[in-house]
């Protein structure tokens, strides 16, 4: 702690700004990591359970009611509403074929669900891509700042060189410590979201066939 305190005390505005930025990025990344783990865990369970209880329902309305009680992330319910919605009269949508109407509504609902699941992925990717370079910049600036201080010192010893330089090198390690969890989470969540997307696409395809069959009977 003394080394970090000395590093902070000896740093200038730029060095402290880099340290604060890395700290903010680390906190933000871990908040997103923990939040997305919770959201994706709930979404996966709710989708598996919701699809099963929908197809096990005796009627369409009963299936919609069952899904609504278990769809905590709001992924399946909008798709059900989109599949069986009726377009307003005298609109461009109402002039399209039943197939095109259902396809468009389900596509829009699917895209909204995926946007919800993918929220935070860009932030994790940005942190993983930039944090190492921010840490490296902090190291370079810290070494430069330390060398300037040594140039004004009357006595030059290995201890006076190694201490500030070693403390500056910690910034590179800090950048990696911020980036690595973000990159790993981004990759894991990307695969998780891909599995959810496949499940939603399959459900949308089945709903489309069901909605068209209802439209034909009506």
Protein backbone atom coordinates (compact mmCIF):
# COMPACT_ATOMS: atom_id res chain seq x y z
CA UNK A 1 0.00 0.00 0.00
CA UNK A 2 2.89 2.38 0.70
CA UNK A 3 4.17 1.87 -2.85
CA UNK A 4 0.77 2.66 -4.33
CA UNK A 5 0.42 5.65 -2.02
CA UNK A 6 3.82 6.93 -3.04
CA UNK A 7 2.97 6.38 -6.71
CA UNK A 8 -0.25 8.35 -6.33
CA UNK A 9 1.47 11.13 -4.37
CA UNK A 10 4.28 11.42 -6.92
CA UNK A 11 2.02 11.28 -9.98
CA UNK A 12 0.80 14.33 -11.83
CA UNK A 13 -2.70 15.00 -13.16
CA UNK A 14 -2.29 12.72 -16.18
CA UNK A 15 -0.98 9.79 -14.16
CA UNK A 16 -3.78 10.10 -11.63
CA UNK A 17 -6.35 10.43 -14.42
CA UNK A 18 -5.12 7.18 -16.01
CA UNK A 19 -5.34 5.41 -12.65
CA UNK A 20 -8.85 6.72 -12.03
CA UNK A 21 -9.92 5.74 -15.55
CA UNK A 22 -8.68 2.17 -15.12
CA UNK A 23 -10.44 1.94 -11.77
CA UNK A 24 -13.70 3.21 -13.28
CA UNK A 25 -13.38 0.77 -16.21
CA UNK A 26 -12.76 -2.12 -13.83
CA UNK A 27 -15.77 -1.28 -11.67
CA UNK A 28 -17.97 -0.79 -14.74
CA UNK A 29 -16.81 -4.05 -16.30
CA UNK A 30 -17.50 -6.07 -13.16
CA UNK A 31 -20.93 -4.49 -12.75
CA UNK A 32 -21.79 -5.46 -16.34
CA UNK A 33 -20.27 -8.94 -15.92
CA UNK A 34 -22.30 -9.72 -12.81
CA UNK A 35 -25.49 -8.15 -14.18
CA UNK A 36 -25.28 -10.01 -17.49
CA UNK A 37 -24.62 -13.31 -15.73
CA UNK A 38 -27.82 -12.78 -13.76
CA UNK A 39 -29.85 -11.71 -16.81
CA UNK A 40 -28.64 -14.51 -19.08
CA UNK A 41 -29.14 -17.13 -16.37
CA UNK A 42 -32.74 -15.98 -15.88
CA UNK A 43 -33.36 -15.66 -19.62
CA UNK A 44 -32.08 -19.16 -20.37
CA UNK A 45 -34.20 -20.77 -17.67
CA UNK A 46 -37.29 -18.75 -18.53
CA UNK A 47 -37.03 -19.52 -22.26
CA UNK A 48 -36.62 -23.25 -21.71
CA UNK A 49 -39.50 -23.33 -19.28
CA UNK A 50 -41.68 -20.87 -21.20
CA UNK A 51 -41.45 -22.66 -24.54
CA UNK A 52 -42.28 -25.99 -22.88
CA UNK A 53 -45.34 -24.72 -21.00
CA UNK A 54 -46.60 -22.82 -24.06
CA UNK A 55 -46.70 -25.88 -26.28
CA UNK A 56 -48.16 -27.92 -23.42
CA UNK A 57 -51.10 -25.52 -23.04
CA UNK A 58 -54.57 -26.64 -24.19
CA UNK A 59 -55.30 -23.38 -26.03
CA UNK A 60 -53.53 -20.30 -27.37
CA UNK A 61 -54.76 -17.90 -24.68
CA UNK A 62 -53.84 -20.34 -21.95
CA UNK A 63 -50.37 -20.70 -23.44
CA UNK A 64 -49.92 -16.92 -23.57
CA UNK A 65 -51.01 -16.60 -19.95
CA UNK A 66 -48.59 -19.31 -18.87
CA UNK A 67 -45.68 -17.71 -20.69
CA UNK A 68 -46.47 -14.28 -19.22
CA UNK A 69 -46.07 -15.62 -15.69
CA UNK A 70 -42.57 -17.00 -16.32
CA UNK A 71 -41.10 -14.59 -18.88
CA UNK A 72 -39.26 -12.29 -16.45
CA UNK A 73 -36.93 -10.81 -19.08
CA UNK A 74 -39.75 -10.17 -21.55
CA UNK A 75 -38.32 -12.23 -24.42
CA UNK A 76 -41.13 -14.64 -25.36
CA UNK A 77 -44.23 -12.57 -24.57
CA UNK A 78 -43.55 -9.87 -27.22
CA UNK A 79 -43.02 -12.59 -29.81
CA UNK A 80 -46.38 -14.15 -28.98
CA UNK A 81 -48.07 -10.77 -29.20
CA UNK A 82 -46.36 -10.05 -32.52
CA UNK A 83 -47.30 -13.40 -34.04
CA UNK A 84 -51.03 -13.02 -33.43
CA UNK A 85 -51.44 -9.24 -33.63
CA UNK A 86 -53.81 -7.70 -36.13
CA UNK A 87 -52.60 -4.75 -38.24
CA UNK A 88 -54.50 -1.49 -38.12
CA UNK A 89 -56.88 -0.93 -41.01
CA UNK A 90 -55.90 1.27 -43.93
CA UNK A 91 -52.16 0.96 -43.29
CA UNK A 92 -49.38 -0.28 -45.52
CA UNK A 93 -48.98 -3.26 -43.21
CA UNK A 94 -52.59 -4.29 -43.68
CA UNK A 95 -52.14 -4.45 -47.46
CA UNK A 96 -49.35 -7.02 -47.22
CA UNK A 97 -49.85 -10.75 -47.27
CA UNK A 98 -50.45 -12.54 -43.98
CA UNK A 99 -47.08 -14.25 -44.35
CA UNK A 100 -45.17 -10.99 -44.76
CA UNK A 101 -47.05 -9.34 -41.89
CA UNK A 102 -46.26 -12.12 -39.43
CA UNK A 103 -42.66 -12.38 -40.60
CA UNK A 104 -42.03 -8.66 -40.17
CA UNK A 105 -43.60 -8.48 -36.71
CA UNK A 106 -41.71 -11.54 -35.47
CA UNK A 107 -38.45 -10.22 -36.92
CA UNK A 108 -38.88 -6.93 -35.07
CA UNK A 109 -39.72 -8.71 -31.81
CA UNK A 110 -36.71 -11.00 -32.22
CA UNK A 111 -34.40 -8.04 -32.81
CA UNK A 112 -35.68 -6.30 -29.67
CA UNK A 113 -35.07 -9.44 -27.62
CA UNK A 114 -31.55 -9.79 -28.97
CA UNK A 115 -30.77 -6.13 -28.24
CA UNK A 116 -31.78 -6.76 -24.64
CA UNK A 117 -29.56 -9.83 -24.39
CA UNK A 118 -26.61 -8.14 -26.10
CA UNK A 119 -26.72 -4.99 -23.96
CA UNK A 120 -23.31 -4.42 -22.38
CA UNK A 121 -21.37 -6.53 -24.87
CA UNK A 122 -19.97 -3.46 -26.63
CA UNK A 123 -18.80 -2.04 -23.31
CA UNK A 124 -17.02 -5.28 -22.39
CA UNK A 125 -15.37 -5.43 -25.80
CA UNK A 126 -14.27 -1.80 -25.51
CA UNK A 127 -12.79 -2.33 -22.06
CA UNK A 128 -10.98 -5.47 -23.17
CA UNK A 129 -9.54 -3.74 -26.23
CA UNK A 130 -8.47 -0.44 -24.66
CA UNK A 131 -7.52 -1.16 -21.04
CA UNK A 132 -4.08 -2.69 -21.85
CA UNK A 133 -3.13 0.34 -23.93
CA UNK A 134 -4.36 2.76 -21.28
CA UNK A 135 -2.27 0.89 -18.71
CA UNK A 136 0.74 0.98 -21.04
CA UNK A 137 0.28 4.71 -21.52
CA UNK A 138 0.20 5.11 -17.76
CA UNK A 139 3.46 3.17 -17.48
CA UNK A 140 5.18 5.25 -20.14
CA UNK A 141 3.98 8.48 -18.61
CA UNK A 142 4.95 7.33 -15.11
CA UNK A 143 8.46 6.45 -16.21
CA UNK A 144 8.78 9.76 -18.02
CA UNK A 145 7.54 11.63 -14.96
CA UNK A 146 9.93 9.68 -12.71
CA UNK A 147 12.91 10.38 -14.97
CA UNK A 148 12.12 14.08 -14.95
CA UNK A 149 12.15 14.02 -11.18
CA UNK A 150 15.44 12.16 -11.11
CA UNK A 151 17.00 14.67 -13.49
CA UNK A 152 16.52 17.38 -10.90
CA UNK A 153 17.94 15.24 -8.09
CA UNK A 154 21.54 15.78 -7.06
CA UNK A 155 22.15 12.13 -6.15
CA UNK A 156 21.31 9.25 -8.51
CA UNK A 157 21.16 5.74 -7.04
CA UNK A 158 19.68 2.45 -8.21
CA UNK A 159 17.06 2.64 -5.45
CA UNK A 160 15.84 6.00 -6.69
CA UNK A 161 15.55 4.63 -10.23
CA UNK A 162 14.05 1.22 -9.47
CA UNK A 163 11.35 2.47 -7.11
CA UNK A 164 9.51 4.95 -9.37
CA UNK A 165 10.03 2.84 -12.49
CA UNK A 166 8.72 -0.29 -10.75
CA UNK A 167 5.68 1.59 -9.50
CA UNK A 168 5.01 2.89 -13.03
CA UNK A 169 5.17 -0.66 -14.43
CA UNK A 170 2.27 -1.58 -12.16
CA UNK A 171 0.03 0.40 -14.53
CA UNK A 172 0.64 -2.12 -17.31
CA UNK A 173 -0.34 -4.95 -14.99
CA UNK A 174 -3.40 -2.97 -13.91
CA UNK A 175 -4.46 -2.54 -17.53
CA UNK A 176 -4.22 -6.27 -18.10
CA UNK A 177 -6.09 -7.00 -14.87
CA UNK A 178 -8.94 -4.82 -16.11
CA UNK A 179 -8.96 -6.20 -19.66
CA UNK A 180 -8.69 -9.96 -19.09
CA UNK A 181 -11.98 -10.44 -17.16
CA UNK A 182 -13.81 -8.26 -19.69
CA UNK A 183 -12.48 -10.26 -22.66
CA UNK A 184 -13.27 -13.60 -21.05
CA UNK A 185 -16.78 -12.48 -20.10
CA UNK A 186 -17.38 -11.11 -23.60
CA UNK A 187 -16.46 -14.45 -25.18
CA UNK A 188 -18.46 -16.54 -22.70
CA UNK A 189 -21.52 -14.32 -22.92
CA UNK A 190 -21.27 -14.19 -26.70
CA UNK A 191 -21.61 -17.97 -26.84
CA UNK A 192 -24.41 -17.85 -24.27
CA UNK A 193 -26.30 -15.21 -26.26
CA UNK A 194 -25.82 -17.26 -29.42
CA UNK A 195 -27.55 -20.22 -27.77
CA UNK A 196 -30.41 -17.95 -26.66
CA UNK A 197 -30.68 -16.53 -30.18
CA UNK A 198 -30.99 -20.02 -31.66
CA UNK A 199 -33.74 -20.85 -29.18
CA UNK A 200 -35.62 -17.64 -29.96
CA UNK A 201 -35.29 -18.11 -33.72
CA UNK A 202 -36.67 -21.63 -33.44
CA UNK A 203 -39.59 -20.40 -31.36
CA UNK A 204 -40.25 -17.57 -33.84
CA UNK A 205 -40.26 -20.04 -36.75
CA UNK A 206 -42.78 -22.27 -34.99
CA UNK A 207 -44.96 -19.29 -34.05
CA UNK A 208 -44.93 -18.10 -37.65
CA UNK A 209 -46.24 -21.44 -38.89
CA UNK A 210 -48.86 -21.48 -36.16
CA UNK A 211 -50.00 -17.91 -36.85
CA UNK A 212 -50.32 -18.59 -40.58
CA UNK A 213 -52.32 -21.71 -39.89
CA UNK A 214 -54.69 -19.66 -37.67
CA UNK A 215 -54.98 -17.00 -40.36
CA UNK A 216 -55.84 -19.63 -42.97
CA UNK A 217 -58.59 -21.13 -40.79
CA UNK A 218 -60.01 -17.70 -40.05
